[in-house]
Amino acid sequence: MAKRMPAIRTRLDDLDTPCLVIDRDALDRNIGRISQFLAERGVRWRPHFKSYKSVELVRRVLAAGAVGVTCAKLGEAELLADHGVSDLLIVSPLAGRAKIERLVELRERADPIVVVDHVDHIVALEHAAARGRSPIRVVIEIDLGLQRCGVLPGTAAVELAQRIGQSPGLQFEGLMGWEGHLLTIADAEEKKRRIAEALQGLAHTRDMLRKTGIPCPTISAGGTGSYQITADLGIATEIEAGGGVLMDLFYREKCGVQGLEFALSVQTTVISRPCPERAVIDAGRKTLSPDLHLPAVDGRDDLAVQWLSAEHGVLRIVRPPGPAIGDVVRLIPGYGDWTTMLHDHYFVGQNGRLVEIWPLQARGRLD
């Protein structure tokens, strides 16, 4: 049975809960700030879709100057291509016959960039390229210290680029790296120094490529937790920061990101007051994640999130009397990426009223 949607202009406080709410004005201000910050530094913006999962949100960042979209998985790129978005960077390496077949089909309606870190990826892409009319754009991922995917900087990456250049069906686009292991360094100067050191792996590889006569037009790096540093280093040509337009506590409290507003919240209802020291709300781990950072109660210093179970959240009453049963409480997510994936719709508000409902079309696209 389909969920009944509230009418536009409904008071936000009257929405059924739990629900995922976007403050449209705060969202647009965040989009404008990130776009302007990068434009002033001459860096392109290719925001990550993994936090958005909504075509409507993508259209908003593209309208603000984003050059394309970064996708975690092929399934996200397929969905965006179905909605007319063509310039797509897929940052998970594609492996297996099924993925290659899907890439062939995707290229009929989009112009994706794919990532490699091994010659086996290149061989598989050559087979896909043979079935298309134009070359497949390829970037090489460099391991900047995260120790996930990526080839080491320097000679190994240059050899991969040379191998790509030998294939008429592939087009070397550049390099990609992710300094994600450095986001939570508490000392601001130490964080800047460590990120600058890490990105030298990209700069060094770029310089080696140029010496061998291989152009390197694109260097993609930087997420929300580091973009304010990475964009200033003069190395990255594209920044992948996406989640900052929604903003969350992890980015502000653990990563030190400043100048962005909390545009995303989870609206909940108090369902129990079992004792004077405790209130229980109708949102737990199936509504938002506490793993990277506990959520916080928005606009109420008399309440604090104590813990979450599957379907319930427990609030500590910091200063009595606290809320009554039926009261609406809004939570700022600890981490937006692990919250949006749990919801089917954004309920977009402005001046206390519901103005739009955006489906999260990519929810569940883990393939």
Protein backbone atom coordinates (compact mmCIF):
# COMPACT_ATOMS: atom_id res chain seq x y z
CA MET A 1 0.00 0.00 0.00
CA ALA A 2 1.53 3.30 -1.11
CA LYS A 3 2.27 5.87 1.58
CA ARG A 4 -0.13 8.78 1.49
CA MET A 5 1.73 11.99 0.69
CA PRO A 6 0.91 15.21 2.55
CA ALA A 7 -0.49 18.18 0.67
CA ILE A 8 1.85 20.98 -0.41
CA ARG A 9 1.63 23.92 2.02
CA THR A 10 1.08 21.56 4.97
CA ARG A 11 2.75 22.88 8.12
CA LEU A 12 6.04 21.02 8.63
CA ASP A 13 5.06 20.38 12.26
CA ASP A 14 2.01 18.49 10.99
CA LEU A 15 3.96 15.99 8.85
CA ASP A 16 3.72 12.35 9.84
CA THR A 17 6.99 11.13 11.36
CA PRO A 18 9.71 10.10 11.13
CA CYS A 19 10.49 11.97 7.92
CA LEU A 20 13.50 13.48 6.20
CA VAL A 21 13.25 17.27 5.84
CA ILE A 22 15.28 19.72 3.76
CA ASP A 23 15.29 23.45 4.47
CA ARG A 24 15.24 24.70 0.87
CA ASP A 25 16.66 28.14 1.65
CA ALA A 26 19.57 26.68 3.66
CA LEU A 27 20.20 24.14 0.89
CA ASP A 28 20.36 26.83 -1.77
CA ARG A 29 22.69 28.95 0.34
CA ASN A 30 25.02 25.98 0.82
CA ILE A 31 24.99 25.20 -2.90
CA GLY A 32 25.82 28.81 -3.67
CA ARG A 33 28.64 28.97 -1.14
CA ILE A 34 30.38 25.82 -2.36
CA SER A 35 29.94 26.76 -6.00
CA GLN A 36 31.33 30.26 -5.43
CA PHE A 37 34.21 29.00 -3.26
CA LEU A 38 35.39 26.65 -6.02
CA ALA A 39 34.76 29.10 -8.86
CA GLU A 40 36.94 31.71 -7.14
CA ARG A 41 39.78 29.16 -7.16
CA GLY A 42 39.25 28.07 -10.75
CA VAL A 43 38.32 24.53 -9.71
CA ARG A 44 35.46 22.62 -11.29
CA TRP A 45 32.74 21.11 -9.11
CA ARG A 46 31.61 17.51 -9.66
CA PRO A 47 29.59 16.71 -6.51
CA HIS A 48 29.13 13.18 -5.23
CA PHE A 49 25.67 11.71 -5.73
CA LYS A 50 25.94 9.06 -2.99
CA SER A 51 24.55 11.42 -0.36
CA TYR A 52 21.86 13.02 -2.57
CA LYS A 53 20.18 10.01 -4.23
CA SER A 54 17.72 12.52 -5.70
CA VAL A 55 17.59 13.73 -9.30
CA GLU A 56 15.92 16.95 -8.17
CA LEU A 57 18.87 17.77 -5.94
CA VAL A 58 21.30 17.05 -8.79
CA ARG A 59 19.43 19.43 -11.06
CA ARG A 60 19.89 22.12 -8.42
CA VAL A 61 23.68 21.74 -8.21
CA LEU A 62 24.03 21.54 -12.00
CA ALA A 63 22.06 24.77 -12.32
CA ALA A 64 24.51 26.34 -9.86
CA GLY A 65 27.53 25.50 -12.02
CA ALA A 66 28.51 21.90 -11.32
CA VAL A 67 30.13 20.39 -14.44
CA GLY A 68 28.84 16.88 -13.85
CA VAL A 69 28.24 14.32 -11.14
CA THR A 70 30.39 11.82 -9.25
CA CYS A 71 28.75 8.42 -8.78
CA ALA A 72 29.80 5.78 -6.29
CA LYS A 73 28.38 2.94 -8.35
CA LEU A 74 27.35 2.13 -11.91
CA GLY A 75 23.70 1.91 -10.82
CA GLU A 76 23.72 5.56 -9.77
CA ALA A 77 25.14 6.58 -13.15
CA GLU A 78 22.48 4.55 -14.96
CA LEU A 79 19.72 6.28 -13.06
CA LEU A 80 21.10 9.74 -13.73
CA ALA A 81 21.57 8.94 -17.40
CA ASP A 82 17.91 7.94 -17.55
CA HIS A 83 17.13 11.48 -16.37
CA GLY A 84 19.32 13.22 -18.92
CA VAL A 85 22.57 13.68 -16.97
CA SER A 86 25.49 12.71 -19.22
CA ASP A 87 28.81 13.77 -17.67
CA LEU A 88 29.27 11.10 -14.99
CA LEU A 89 32.39 10.00 -13.10
CA ILE A 90 32.02 6.45 -11.72
CA VAL A 91 34.56 6.07 -8.91
CA SER A 92 34.22 2.35 -8.16
CA PRO A 93 36.25 0.21 -10.58
CA LEU A 94 34.03 -1.94 -12.81
CA ALA A 95 34.74 -5.65 -12.64
CA GLY A 96 32.91 -8.64 -14.07
CA ARG A 97 31.08 -9.33 -17.32
CA ALA A 98 27.74 -7.99 -16.08
CA LYS A 99 29.20 -4.58 -15.24
CA ILE A 100 30.96 -4.30 -18.59
CA GLU A 101 27.74 -5.15 -20.44
CA ARG A 102 25.92 -2.48 -18.46
CA LEU A 103 28.66 0.04 -19.25
CA VAL A 104 28.20 -0.67 -22.96
CA GLU A 105 24.48 0.06 -22.60
CA LEU A 106 25.10 3.17 -20.48
CA ARG A 107 27.35 4.67 -23.17
CA GLU A 108 24.42 4.73 -25.56
CA ARG A 109 22.84 7.55 -23.53
CA ALA A 110 25.69 9.11 -21.52
CA ASP A 111 29.43 9.85 -21.62
CA PRO A 112 30.76 8.27 -18.42
CA ILE A 113 34.29 8.45 -17.04
CA VAL A 114 35.45 5.21 -15.44
CA VAL A 115 38.27 4.55 -12.98
CA VAL A 116 41.04 1.95 -13.17
CA ASP A 117 43.92 0.91 -10.95
CA HIS A 118 45.03 -2.32 -12.70
CA VAL A 119 45.74 -3.47 -16.24
CA ASP A 120 42.91 -6.02 -15.95
CA HIS A 121 40.45 -3.11 -15.80
CA ILE A 122 41.94 -1.73 -19.01
CA VAL A 123 41.62 -5.04 -20.85
CA ALA A 124 37.95 -5.31 -19.85
CA LEU A 125 37.27 -1.73 -20.95
CA GLU A 126 38.87 -2.37 -24.32
CA HIS A 127 36.23 -5.02 -24.99
CA ALA A 128 33.50 -2.53 -24.06
CA ALA A 129 35.05 0.22 -26.18
CA ALA A 130 35.08 -2.02 -29.24
CA ARG A 131 31.30 -1.96 -29.16
CA GLY A 132 30.94 1.82 -29.12
CA ARG A 133 31.45 4.69 -31.53
CA SER A 134 33.58 6.87 -29.25
CA PRO A 135 36.45 6.22 -26.82
CA ILE A 136 35.75 5.51 -23.16
CA ARG A 137 37.13 8.21 -20.88
CA VAL A 138 39.36 6.74 -18.16
CA VAL A 139 40.99 8.09 -15.00
CA ILE A 140 43.58 6.30 -12.89
CA GLU A 141 42.98 6.19 -9.16
CA ILE A 142 46.02 6.96 -7.02
CA ASP A 143 46.26 5.67 -3.43
CA LEU A 144 47.02 8.76 -1.35
CA GLY A 145 47.28 6.75 1.88
CA LEU A 146 43.69 5.60 2.42
CA GLN A 147 44.77 2.05 1.46
CA ARG A 148 41.53 1.20 -0.30
CA CYS A 149 41.56 1.24 -4.13
CA GLY A 150 44.29 2.90 -6.13
CA VAL A 151 47.74 2.34 -7.58
CA LEU A 152 50.75 3.92 -5.92
CA PRO A 153 51.84 7.33 -7.20
CA GLY A 154 54.63 7.56 -9.74
CA THR A 155 55.93 4.89 -12.08
CA ALA A 156 53.12 2.35 -11.66
CA ALA A 157 50.50 4.97 -12.55
CA VAL A 158 52.50 6.22 -15.54
CA GLU A 159 52.75 2.67 -16.88
CA LEU A 160 48.97 2.32 -16.65
CA ALA A 161 48.50 5.63 -18.48
CA GLN A 162 50.84 4.46 -21.22
CA ARG A 163 48.86 1.24 -21.53
CA ILE A 164 45.63 3.23 -21.84
CA GLY A 165 47.25 5.35 -24.54
CA GLN A 166 48.00 2.21 -26.56
CA SER A 167 44.30 1.41 -26.84
CA PRO A 168 42.40 3.22 -29.61
CA GLY A 169 39.13 2.66 -27.75
CA LEU A 170 40.21 4.39 -24.54
CA GLN A 171 40.95 8.03 -23.75
CA PHE A 172 43.16 8.90 -20.78
CA GLU A 173 41.38 11.65 -18.88
CA GLY A 174 43.59 12.08 -15.82
CA LEU A 175 43.98 11.09 -12.19
CA MET A 176 41.77 10.69 -9.16
CA GLY A 177 42.67 10.47 -5.47
CA TRP A 178 40.89 10.57 -2.15
CA GLU A 179 42.43 11.95 1.04
CA GLY A 180 39.63 10.49 3.18
CA HIS A 181 41.94 9.15 5.89
CA LEU A 182 42.91 12.70 6.85
CA LEU A 183 39.49 14.31 7.33
CA THR A 184 39.29 14.09 11.12
CA ILE A 185 42.72 15.40 12.11
CA ALA A 186 41.82 17.75 14.94
CA ASP A 187 44.63 20.29 14.58
CA ALA A 188 43.77 22.52 11.61
CA GLU A 189 47.37 23.26 10.61
CA GLU A 190 48.35 19.61 10.88
CA LYS A 191 45.39 18.65 8.71
CA LYS A 192 46.40 21.16 6.03
CA ARG A 193 49.98 19.92 6.08
CA ARG A 194 49.02 16.24 5.84
CA ILE A 195 46.54 16.82 3.00
CA ALA A 196 49.11 18.86 1.09
CA GLU A 197 51.63 16.03 1.50
CA ALA A 198 49.10 13.43 0.34
CA LEU A 199 48.11 15.38 -2.76
CA GLN A 200 51.74 15.59 -3.78
CA GLY A 201 51.22 12.01 -4.93
CA LEU A 202 48.84 13.36 -7.56
CA ALA A 203 51.08 16.30 -8.45
CA HIS A 204 54.16 14.10 -8.75
CA THR A 205 52.37 11.61 -10.99
CA ARG A 206 50.95 14.43 -13.14
CA ASP A 207 54.44 15.86 -13.61
CA MET A 208 55.86 12.46 -14.56
CA LEU A 209 53.07 12.00 -17.11
CA ARG A 210 53.80 15.38 -18.68
CA LYS A 211 57.50 14.56 -18.96
CA THR A 212 56.61 11.45 -20.94
CA GLY A 213 54.35 13.49 -23.22
CA ILE A 214 51.03 12.37 -21.71
CA PRO A 215 48.59 15.24 -20.99
CA CYS A 216 46.74 15.07 -17.66
CA PRO A 217 43.76 17.41 -18.02
CA THR A 218 41.85 16.23 -14.94
CA ILE A 219 42.84 15.70 -11.32
CA SER A 220 39.83 14.84 -9.18
CA ALA A 221 39.98 14.87 -5.38
CA GLY A 222 38.44 16.38 -2.28
CA GLY A 223 35.26 15.55 -0.40
CA THR A 224 33.21 17.79 1.85
CA GLY A 225 35.46 17.10 4.83
CA SER A 226 38.53 18.42 3.02
CA TYR A 227 37.44 20.58 0.07
CA GLN A 228 38.18 23.89 1.80
CA ILE A 229 41.81 22.78 2.05
CA THR A 230 42.19 20.70 -1.11
CA ALA A 231 40.81 23.37 -3.44
CA ASP A 232 43.44 25.85 -2.21
CA LEU A 233 46.44 23.66 -3.05
CA GLY A 234 46.47 24.30 -6.81
CA ILE A 235 46.60 20.58 -7.64
CA ALA A 236 43.01 19.36 -8.07
CA THR A 237 41.12 20.54 -11.13
CA GLU A 238 37.86 19.03 -9.89
CA ILE A 239 36.39 18.68 -6.40
CA GLU A 240 33.95 15.88 -5.58
CA ALA A 241 32.45 17.39 -2.40
CA GLY A 242 28.71 16.69 -2.38
CA GLY A 243 27.30 16.13 1.09
CA GLY A 244 28.15 19.63 2.26
CA VAL A 245 25.08 21.06 0.56
CA LEU A 246 23.04 19.10 3.12
CA MET A 247 25.65 19.35 5.90
CA ASP A 248 25.83 17.28 9.10
CA LEU A 249 27.52 17.06 12.47
CA PHE A 250 30.36 14.80 11.33
CA TYR A 251 31.52 17.39 8.81
CA ARG A 252 31.29 20.27 11.27
CA GLU A 253 32.42 18.68 14.53
CA LYS A 254 34.88 16.02 13.32
CA CYS A 255 36.13 17.54 10.05
CA GLY A 256 36.07 21.23 11.00
CA VAL A 257 34.07 22.36 7.96
CA GLN A 258 32.86 25.92 8.45
CA GLY A 259 30.45 28.26 6.66
CA LEU A 260 27.73 25.76 5.76
CA GLU A 261 24.30 25.40 7.36
CA PHE A 262 22.43 22.31 8.50
CA ALA A 263 19.91 22.00 5.67
CA LEU A 264 18.96 18.39 6.46
CA SER A 265 17.01 17.18 9.48
CA VAL A 266 14.94 14.24 10.60
CA GLN A 267 11.59 15.22 12.04
CA THR A 268 10.38 12.96 14.85
CA THR A 269 7.61 12.77 17.43
CA VAL A 270 7.86 12.13 21.16
CA ILE A 271 5.96 8.88 21.75
CA SER A 272 6.78 8.17 25.40
CA ARG A 273 7.78 9.93 28.63
CA PRO A 274 8.43 6.92 30.86
CA CYS A 275 10.21 9.00 33.53
CA PRO A 276 11.13 12.64 34.18
CA GLU A 277 14.69 12.13 32.91
CA ARG A 278 13.86 10.47 29.59
CA ALA A 279 11.83 10.99 26.42
CA VAL A 280 11.46 8.47 23.60
CA ILE A 281 11.01 9.43 19.94
CA ASP A 282 9.85 7.43 16.91
CA ALA A 283 13.21 7.46 15.08
CA GLY A 284 16.04 5.01 15.59
CA ARG A 285 18.81 3.42 13.58
CA LYS A 286 16.42 2.58 10.74
CA THR A 287 15.85 6.33 10.34
CA LEU A 288 19.32 7.79 10.89
CA SER A 289 22.78 6.49 11.75
CA PRO A 290 24.64 7.26 14.98
CA ASP A 291 27.84 5.48 13.93
CA LEU A 292 30.15 8.31 12.82
CA HIS A 293 28.52 10.92 15.07
CA LEU A 294 25.44 10.95 17.28
CA PRO A 295 22.62 13.13 15.95
CA ALA A 296 21.72 16.27 17.91
CA VAL A 297 18.41 17.88 18.76
CA ASP A 298 17.94 21.01 16.67
CA GLY A 299 17.23 24.22 18.53
CA ARG A 300 16.74 22.69 21.99
CA ASP A 301 19.50 22.77 24.56
CA ASP A 302 17.25 21.05 27.11
CA LEU A 303 17.47 17.74 25.20
CA ALA A 304 20.32 15.46 24.15
CA VAL A 305 20.31 12.25 22.15
CA GLN A 306 21.37 9.45 24.47
CA TRP A 307 21.15 6.38 22.24
CA LEU A 308 19.25 4.80 19.34
CA SER A 309 17.74 1.35 19.01
CA ALA A 310 16.24 0.01 15.79
CA GLU A 311 12.97 2.00 15.85
CA HIS A 312 13.33 4.28 18.88
CA GLY A 313 15.51 7.15 19.98
CA VAL A 314 16.14 7.92 23.64
CA LEU A 315 16.55 11.55 24.64
CA ARG A 316 18.01 12.68 27.95
CA ILE A 317 16.21 15.57 29.61
CA VAL A 318 19.06 17.96 30.32
CA ARG A 319 16.79 20.56 31.85
CA PRO A 320 13.22 19.71 32.99
CA PRO A 321 10.41 19.60 32.18
CA GLY A 322 11.26 18.46 28.62
CA PRO A 323 8.82 17.70 25.81
CA ALA A 324 5.33 16.27 26.08
CA ILE A 325 4.03 13.20 24.29
CA GLY A 326 3.11 14.26 20.75
CA ASP A 327 5.65 17.09 20.56
CA VAL A 328 7.72 17.39 17.38
CA VAL A 329 11.50 17.16 17.76
CA ARG A 330 13.96 17.67 14.89
CA LEU A 331 17.33 15.94 14.79
CA ILE A 332 20.43 17.05 12.91
CA PRO A 333 21.96 13.87 11.43
CA GLY A 334 25.35 12.75 12.62
CA TYR A 335 26.23 11.74 9.06
CA GLY A 336 24.02 12.56 6.09
CA ASP A 337 25.21 9.81 3.72
CA TRP A 338 24.11 7.10 6.15
CA THR A 339 20.79 8.87 6.77
CA THR A 340 19.50 9.72 3.31
CA MET A 341 19.91 6.10 2.18
CA LEU A 342 17.22 5.08 4.68
CA HIS A 343 14.47 7.26 3.21
CA ASP A 344 12.23 7.34 0.14
CA HIS A 345 11.47 11.08 0.04
CA TYR A 346 12.82 14.48 0.98
CA PHE A 347 10.10 16.72 2.39
CA VAL A 348 11.29 20.16 1.33
CA GLY A 349 10.28 23.03 3.55
CA GLN A 350 10.34 26.80 3.43
CA ASN A 351 9.11 29.18 6.13
CA GLY A 352 7.61 26.31 8.11
CA ARG A 353 5.57 24.91 5.21
CA LEU A 354 5.99 21.95 2.87
CA VAL A 355 6.78 23.28 -0.62
CA GLU A 356 8.04 20.22 -2.51
CA ILE A 357 8.46 16.45 -2.18
CA TRP A 358 11.54 14.96 -3.86
CA PRO A 359 11.87 11.20 -4.29
CA LEU A 360 15.24 9.62 -3.55
CA GLN A 361 15.25 7.68 -6.81
CA ALA A 362 18.67 6.12 -6.20
CA ARG A 363 17.83 4.59 -2.85
CA GLY A 364 18.96 0.97 -2.97
CA ARG A 365 21.15 1.42 -6.08
CA LEU A 366 24.10 -0.42 -4.58
CA ASP A 367 25.09 -2.09 -7.84
